[in-house]
Structure formats: structure tokens, C-alpha cells
Amino acid sequence: MKTMKELRELNEEQLQKEIIDLRKTQFQHRMSKAAGALDKTHVIRKVRRAIARIKTVKTEKAGQHGDK
């Protein structure tokens, strides 16, 4: 998981790629949990929050472009 500083340095396409990768990871963890094979259930929460962080950065960038 990347820090907010690292995320702010990425461009729009890179942020979208990060979201897609995290969504895939989130799906895999959810399926593992449903099958009873996921020992560390806290990772689901971490992935969900990482997705929210990326969406926040995307919103911040959209606001900056709208001010110009």
C-alpha cells in the first residue's frame, strides 16, 4: 500500500490502474474469506481503505484542475 505522498505523485492513469489492482485483490480476499481460507481478515479492511485513499487523491486532483 502506498502512502498519500506517493499517491499524489501519480497521474490519473496510474491511479486508475492502482484502483483496478486493488479491486482485484479485494475480490480475491473476499472469496478466500467466504471459502474459509483467509486467516488475516484485517487485510480486507486495509485494501478497502487504500481504495478510498486513491479515490480521495483523484477527487483532490479534479478539484485542482477545476480551479484553473
C-alpha atoms as a PDB file:
ATOM      1  CA  MET A   1       0.000   0.000   0.000  1.00  0.00           C
ATOM      2  CA  LYS A   2       1.320   3.391  -0.976  1.00  0.00           C
ATOM      3  CA  THR A   3       1.400   6.488   1.187  1.00  0.00           C
ATOM      4  CA  MET A   4      -0.631   9.590   0.391  1.00  0.00           C
ATOM      5  CA  LYS A   5       2.534  11.396  -0.717  1.00  0.00           C
ATOM      6  CA  GLU A   6       3.333   8.626  -3.206  1.00  0.00           C
ATOM      7  CA  LEU A   7      -0.263   8.595  -4.474  1.00  0.00           C
ATOM      8  CA  ARG A   8      -0.295  12.343  -5.047  1.00  0.00           C
ATOM      9  CA  GLU A   9       2.743  11.987  -7.318  1.00  0.00           C
ATOM     10  CA  LEU A  10       0.944   9.568  -9.653  1.00  0.00           C
ATOM     11  CA  ASN A  11      -1.004  10.692 -12.703  1.00  0.00           C
ATOM     12  CA  GLU A  12      -4.644   9.880 -13.450  1.00  0.00           C
ATOM     13  CA  GLU A  13      -3.930   6.705 -15.445  1.00  0.00           C
ATOM     14  CA  GLN A  14      -1.621   5.320 -12.769  1.00  0.00           C
ATOM     15  CA  LEU A  15      -4.228   5.997 -10.072  1.00  0.00           C
ATOM     16  CA  GLN A  16      -6.867   4.192 -12.115  1.00  0.00           C
ATOM     17  CA  LYS A  17      -4.533   1.217 -12.543  1.00  0.00           C
ATOM     18  CA  GLU A  18      -3.940   1.135  -8.769  1.00  0.00           C
ATOM     19  CA  ILE A  19      -7.698   1.068  -8.144  1.00  0.00           C
ATOM     20  CA  ILE A  20      -8.176  -1.795 -10.594  1.00  0.00           C
ATOM     21  CA  ASP A  21      -5.359  -3.801  -8.991  1.00  0.00           C
ATOM     22  CA  LEU A  22      -6.749  -3.194  -5.503  1.00  0.00           C
ATOM     23  CA  ARG A  23     -10.268  -4.155  -6.599  1.00  0.00           C
ATOM     24  CA  LYS A  24      -8.895  -7.466  -7.898  1.00  0.00           C
ATOM     25  CA  THR A  25      -7.069  -8.016  -4.620  1.00  0.00           C
ATOM     26  CA  GLN A  26     -10.211  -7.132  -2.680  1.00  0.00           C
ATOM     27  CA  PHE A  27     -12.240  -9.647  -4.669  1.00  0.00           C
ATOM     28  CA  GLN A  28      -9.657 -12.399  -4.103  1.00  0.00           C
ATOM     29  CA  HIS A  29      -9.632 -11.742  -0.360  1.00  0.00           C
ATOM     30  CA  ARG A  30     -13.439 -11.747  -0.198  1.00  0.00           C
ATOM     31  CA  MET A  31     -13.585 -15.088  -1.997  1.00  0.00           C
ATOM     32  CA  SER A  32     -10.913 -16.520   0.281  1.00  0.00           C
ATOM     33  CA  LYS A  33     -12.837 -15.351   3.332  1.00  0.00           C
ATOM     34  CA  ALA A  34     -16.056 -16.897   2.032  1.00  0.00           C
ATOM     35  CA  ALA A  35     -14.246 -20.184   1.455  1.00  0.00           C
ATOM     36  CA  GLY A  36     -12.797 -20.037   4.967  1.00  0.00           C
ATOM     37  CA  ALA A  37      -9.210 -19.887   3.719  1.00  0.00           C
ATOM     38  CA  LEU A  38      -8.398 -16.314   4.795  1.00  0.00           C
ATOM     39  CA  ASP A  39      -6.592 -16.189   8.128  1.00  0.00           C
ATOM     40  CA  LYS A  40      -5.825 -12.468   8.218  1.00  0.00           C
ATOM     41  CA  THR A  41      -9.218 -10.865   7.766  1.00  0.00           C
ATOM     42  CA  HIS A  42      -7.850  -7.402   8.556  1.00  0.00           C
ATOM     43  CA  VAL A  43      -6.338  -7.165   5.067  1.00  0.00           C
ATOM     44  CA  ILE A  44      -9.831  -6.702   3.596  1.00  0.00           C
ATOM     45  CA  ARG A  45     -10.211  -3.517   5.608  1.00  0.00           C
ATOM     46  CA  LYS A  46      -6.751  -2.287   4.621  1.00  0.00           C
ATOM     47  CA  VAL A  47      -7.483  -2.797   0.924  1.00  0.00           C
ATOM     48  CA  ARG A  48     -10.833  -1.035   1.214  1.00  0.00           C
ATOM     49  CA  ARG A  49      -9.177   1.957   2.877  1.00  0.00           C
ATOM     50  CA  ALA A  50      -6.405   2.034   0.273  1.00  0.00           C
ATOM     51  CA  ILE A  51      -9.060   2.275  -2.448  1.00  0.00           C
ATOM     52  CA  ALA A  52     -10.695   5.146  -0.553  1.00  0.00           C
ATOM     53  CA  ARG A  53      -7.344   6.946  -0.311  1.00  0.00           C
ATOM     54  CA  ILE A  54      -6.822   6.714  -4.065  1.00  0.00           C
ATOM     55  CA  LYS A  55     -10.332   7.996  -4.723  1.00  0.00           C
ATOM     56  CA  THR A  56      -9.628  10.921  -2.385  1.00  0.00           C
ATOM     57  CA  VAL A  57      -6.469  11.808  -4.314  1.00  0.00           C
ATOM     58  CA  LYS A  58      -8.382  11.612  -7.604  1.00  0.00           C
ATOM     59  CA  THR A  59     -11.017  13.987  -6.205  1.00  0.00           C
ATOM     60  CA  GLU A  60      -8.327  16.385  -4.985  1.00  0.00           C
ATOM     61  CA  LYS A  61      -6.713  16.432  -8.418  1.00  0.00           C
ATOM     62  CA  ALA A  62     -10.067  17.013 -10.109  1.00  0.00           C
ATOM     63  CA  GLY A  63     -10.673  19.982  -7.800  1.00  0.00           C
ATOM     64  CA  GLN A  64      -7.290  21.487  -8.595  1.00  0.00           C
ATOM     65  CA  HIS A  65      -7.952  21.342 -12.330  1.00  0.00           C
ATOM     66  CA  GLY A  66     -11.377  22.899 -11.879  1.00  0.00           C
ATOM     67  CA  ASP A  67      -9.936  25.955 -10.090  1.00  0.00           C
ATOM     68  CA  LYS A  68      -7.727  26.973 -13.015  1.00  0.00           C
END
